[in-house]
Amino acid sequence: MPKPIQSIFTGREIEAPNTIKDILVDGEVVLHAVQQARIKQLINPDNIIITNKRVIVYRPRMFGLRKNIEDFKFIDMASTVIDQGIIQSAIKIKMRFQPNEISLEGMPKKASKEIFKNIQDGIAGRFGTIEPSAPMPIAPSSPEPEIPEPDIGMSKEELLSVLQTRYMTGEISKKEYEYMKKELAGSKKTTKK
C-alpha cells in the first residue's frame, strides 16, 4: 500500500465503498478497487471498481455529500488500451454504441496491468459464472435465448436483433434500448451483410 503522500501522485488500491457493495447484483464479485491519483482531482478523486460483470466509476462530489455512479457492461465494450506512465497509468475503453471512449486515468501503475487484463477478459467473455455466496432458488423457466455477441461487422438489422434480445431478456432497460436503437439508426456506416 503506498504511503499517503505517494498516493497523491500514484493513486492507490482501496476497499470497495459500501455504496458500491450495496448495488452489486447476485453473483457479482469485486475484482479490483482503486482510487484515482489526487493529482488528477485533489478533493474528491474518482474510485474505479472492476467486477466480473462491469466497470464502475464512483465519483463522490461536494466532499462526499453527492455521489455519481456510472457503470459500463463488458458486453458494450469493443476494445481497450493501456497507457503506462512512470508512476501511474490510464486505461481507455472504446464502447460499441457510444462515440466517446471511457478514460480511467490516474490509476496506480502496479494495479493497472491486472485491471487491464481483467477488462480484456470481461470483453472476451472469459469470466465464468461465479457462484453467489448464498444458494439462489431455481425458478422454472424456458431456455434462455442465445444472445450473439455484437460484432463491428454485423449489419444494422443483426445489431438491432441483438439489441431487441437484450431488451426482452431484461439485460438493458427500455431507455438504454431506445438510445442504442436511435444511435444505430443514425449511424451512416455501412457494414457487410
Protein backbone atom coordinates (compact mmCIF):
# COMPACT_ATOMS: atom_id res chain seq x y z
CA MET A 1 0.00 0.00 0.00
CA PRO A 2 1.52 3.37 -0.99
CA LYS A 3 2.17 5.96 1.68
CA PRO A 4 -0.41 8.81 1.75
CA ILE A 5 1.97 11.33 0.15
CA GLN A 6 2.77 8.88 -2.66
CA SER A 7 -0.91 8.22 -3.39
CA ILE A 8 -1.26 11.88 -4.40
CA PHE A 9 0.78 11.04 -7.50
CA THR A 10 0.20 7.29 -7.95
CA GLY A 11 -3.35 6.59 -6.85
CA ARG A 12 -3.96 3.68 -4.51
CA GLU A 13 -5.76 0.39 -4.09
CA ILE A 14 -8.76 0.65 -1.76
CA GLU A 15 -11.60 -1.40 -0.31
CA ALA A 16 -14.76 -1.06 -2.45
CA PRO A 17 -17.01 1.61 -0.86
CA ASN A 18 -20.20 0.36 0.83
CA THR A 19 -22.24 2.40 -1.66
CA ILE A 20 -20.83 0.17 -4.41
CA LYS A 21 -21.18 -3.07 -2.44
CA ASP A 22 -24.87 -2.25 -1.98
CA ILE A 23 -25.53 -2.10 -5.74
CA LEU A 24 -23.79 -5.32 -6.76
CA VAL A 25 -26.09 -7.87 -8.38
CA ASP A 26 -26.29 -11.57 -7.50
CA GLY A 27 -23.09 -13.35 -8.43
CA GLU A 28 -21.17 -10.11 -8.97
CA VAL A 29 -17.73 -10.00 -7.33
CA VAL A 30 -15.37 -7.02 -6.93
CA LEU A 31 -12.02 -7.86 -8.52
CA HIS A 32 -10.28 -4.50 -8.07
CA ALA A 33 -10.99 -1.16 -6.42
CA VAL A 34 -8.61 1.75 -6.86
CA GLN A 35 -8.70 5.44 -6.09
CA GLN A 36 -7.53 7.85 -8.74
CA ALA A 37 -4.32 9.81 -8.07
CA ARG A 38 -5.16 13.00 -6.21
CA ILE A 39 -3.09 14.97 -8.68
CA LYS A 40 -5.99 14.38 -11.16
CA GLN A 41 -8.70 15.52 -8.70
CA LEU A 42 -7.36 16.86 -5.42
CA ILE A 43 -10.51 16.98 -3.27
CA ASN A 44 -12.64 14.03 -4.40
CA PRO A 45 -10.73 11.59 -6.63
CA ASP A 46 -12.76 9.02 -8.58
CA ASN A 47 -12.92 5.40 -7.42
CA ILE A 48 -12.69 2.78 -10.16
CA ILE A 49 -14.19 -0.61 -9.37
CA ILE A 50 -13.80 -3.63 -11.64
CA THR A 51 -16.17 -6.57 -11.11
CA ASN A 52 -16.69 -9.79 -13.01
CA LYS A 53 -19.62 -8.12 -14.84
CA ARG A 54 -18.75 -4.45 -15.37
CA VAL A 55 -16.57 -1.41 -14.73
CA ILE A 56 -17.98 1.06 -12.19
CA VAL A 57 -16.77 4.65 -11.83
CA TYR A 58 -17.78 6.13 -8.48
CA ARG A 59 -17.43 9.92 -8.25
CA PRO A 60 -18.03 11.46 -4.84
CA ARG A 61 -18.78 15.18 -5.13
CA MET A 62 -19.20 18.07 -2.69
CA PHE A 63 -16.98 16.40 -0.06
CA GLY A 64 -18.90 13.15 -0.39
CA LEU A 65 -22.38 14.67 0.07
CA ARG A 66 -23.30 13.83 -3.53
CA LYS A 67 -22.35 10.73 -5.48
CA ASN A 68 -22.27 9.97 -9.18
CA ILE A 69 -22.08 6.28 -10.08
CA GLU A 70 -21.63 5.22 -13.69
CA ASP A 71 -21.26 1.64 -14.85
CA PHE A 72 -20.18 0.09 -18.13
CA LYS A 73 -21.01 -3.52 -19.02
CA PHE A 74 -18.32 -5.62 -20.67
CA ILE A 75 -20.70 -6.64 -23.49
CA ASP A 76 -20.89 -2.97 -24.57
CA MET A 77 -17.10 -2.63 -24.78
CA ALA A 78 -15.21 -3.11 -28.05
CA SER A 79 -11.54 -2.73 -27.13
CA THR A 80 -9.17 -1.28 -24.55
CA VAL A 81 -5.75 0.37 -24.49
CA ILE A 82 -3.40 0.88 -21.53
CA ASP A 83 -1.08 3.86 -21.28
CA GLN A 84 1.52 3.15 -18.61
CA GLY A 85 3.48 6.08 -17.25
CA ILE A 86 6.35 6.08 -14.80
CA ILE A 87 4.18 6.27 -11.66
CA GLN A 88 0.57 5.98 -12.84
CA SER A 89 -1.43 4.54 -15.71
CA ALA A 90 -4.55 5.20 -17.74
CA ILE A 91 -6.87 2.73 -19.45
CA LYS A 92 -9.03 3.83 -22.36
CA ILE A 93 -12.06 1.75 -23.35
CA LYS A 94 -13.78 2.05 -26.74
CA MET A 95 -17.51 1.42 -26.42
CA ARG A 96 -19.57 -0.30 -29.15
CA PHE A 97 -22.61 2.00 -29.15
CA GLN A 98 -21.13 5.28 -27.90
CA PRO A 99 -18.96 7.70 -29.84
CA ASN A 100 -16.82 8.67 -26.83
CA GLU A 101 -14.34 6.36 -25.18
CA ILE A 102 -14.17 5.82 -21.43
CA SER A 103 -10.94 7.03 -19.85
CA LEU A 104 -9.84 5.64 -16.47
CA GLU A 105 -6.93 7.89 -15.51
CA GLY A 106 -4.58 8.24 -12.56
CA MET A 107 -4.56 4.56 -11.58
CA PRO A 108 -1.68 3.01 -9.66
CA LYS A 109 0.76 1.51 -12.17
CA LYS A 110 1.14 -1.71 -10.19
CA ALA A 111 -2.61 -2.50 -10.21
CA SER A 112 -3.28 -1.23 -13.74
CA LYS A 113 -1.79 -4.27 -15.51
CA GLU A 114 -4.11 -6.64 -13.65
CA ILE A 115 -7.10 -4.31 -14.15
CA PHE A 116 -6.32 -4.11 -17.88
CA LYS A 117 -6.16 -7.92 -18.08
CA ASN A 118 -9.47 -8.27 -16.20
CA ILE A 119 -11.20 -5.80 -18.55
CA GLN A 120 -9.86 -7.73 -21.56
CA ASP A 121 -11.13 -10.99 -20.02
CA GLY A 122 -14.55 -9.39 -19.48
CA ILE A 123 -14.73 -8.13 -23.07
CA ALA A 124 -13.76 -11.58 -24.36
CA GLY A 125 -16.38 -13.24 -22.11
CA ARG A 126 -13.81 -15.27 -20.21
CA PHE A 127 -15.40 -14.78 -16.79
CA GLY A 128 -17.22 -17.96 -15.90
CA THR A 129 -20.24 -17.96 -13.70
CA ILE A 130 -19.15 -17.15 -10.17
CA GLU A 131 -21.37 -18.81 -7.63
CA PRO A 132 -23.16 -16.40 -5.27
CA SER A 133 -22.41 -16.78 -1.57
CA ALA A 134 -25.98 -17.96 -0.79
CA PRO A 135 -27.79 -20.54 -2.93
CA MET A 136 -30.30 -18.97 -5.30
CA PRO A 137 -33.75 -20.53 -5.73
CA ILE A 138 -34.21 -22.07 -9.16
CA ALA A 139 -37.36 -20.93 -10.88
CA PRO A 140 -38.76 -22.97 -13.75
CA SER A 141 -38.28 -21.10 -16.98
CA SER A 142 -37.94 -21.59 -20.66
CA PRO A 143 -34.42 -21.93 -22.00
CA GLU A 144 -32.69 -18.57 -22.34
CA PRO A 145 -32.28 -17.40 -25.91
CA GLU A 146 -28.71 -17.34 -27.10
CA ILE A 147 -27.60 -13.72 -27.41
CA PRO A 148 -24.98 -13.28 -30.10
CA GLU A 149 -22.02 -11.06 -29.22
CA PRO A 150 -22.36 -7.78 -31.15
CA ASP A 151 -19.69 -7.53 -33.82
CA ILE A 152 -18.46 -4.49 -35.71
CA GLY A 153 -19.00 -6.46 -38.95
CA MET A 154 -22.71 -7.13 -38.25
CA SER A 155 -25.38 -5.48 -40.37
CA LYS A 156 -27.72 -2.92 -38.81
CA GLU A 157 -30.53 -5.48 -38.84
CA GLU A 158 -28.39 -8.03 -36.98
CA LEU A 159 -27.31 -5.42 -34.40
CA LEU A 160 -30.95 -4.37 -33.94
CA SER A 161 -31.88 -8.01 -33.37
CA VAL A 162 -29.17 -8.28 -30.67
CA LEU A 163 -30.49 -5.09 -29.02
CA GLN A 164 -34.08 -6.40 -29.08
CA THR A 165 -32.99 -9.70 -27.50
CA ARG A 166 -31.01 -7.88 -24.78
CA TYR A 167 -34.05 -5.67 -24.05
CA MET A 168 -36.51 -8.58 -23.98
CA THR A 169 -34.32 -10.57 -21.57
CA GLY A 170 -34.03 -7.58 -19.24
CA GLU A 171 -30.30 -7.08 -19.74
CA ILE A 172 -30.83 -3.45 -20.79
CA SER A 173 -33.59 -1.00 -19.87
CA LYS A 174 -36.11 0.45 -22.28
CA LYS A 175 -34.29 3.79 -22.10
CA GLU A 176 -30.95 2.12 -22.99
CA TYR A 177 -32.65 0.16 -25.78
CA GLU A 178 -34.25 3.27 -27.29
CA TYR A 179 -30.96 5.22 -27.06
CA MET A 180 -28.91 2.45 -28.71
CA LYS A 181 -31.59 1.90 -31.36
CA LYS A 182 -31.55 5.63 -32.18
CA GLU A 183 -27.73 5.64 -32.33
CA LEU A 184 -27.78 2.61 -34.60
CA ALA A 185 -30.37 4.18 -36.93
CA GLY A 186 -28.30 7.39 -37.08
CA SER A 187 -25.03 5.70 -37.99
CA LYS A 188 -24.21 6.08 -41.68
CA LYS A 189 -21.54 3.39 -41.71
CA THR A 190 -22.48 0.53 -43.99
CA THR A 191 -21.49 -2.90 -42.73
CA LYS A 192 -21.15 -6.19 -44.55
CA LYS A 193 -24.16 -8.48 -44.94
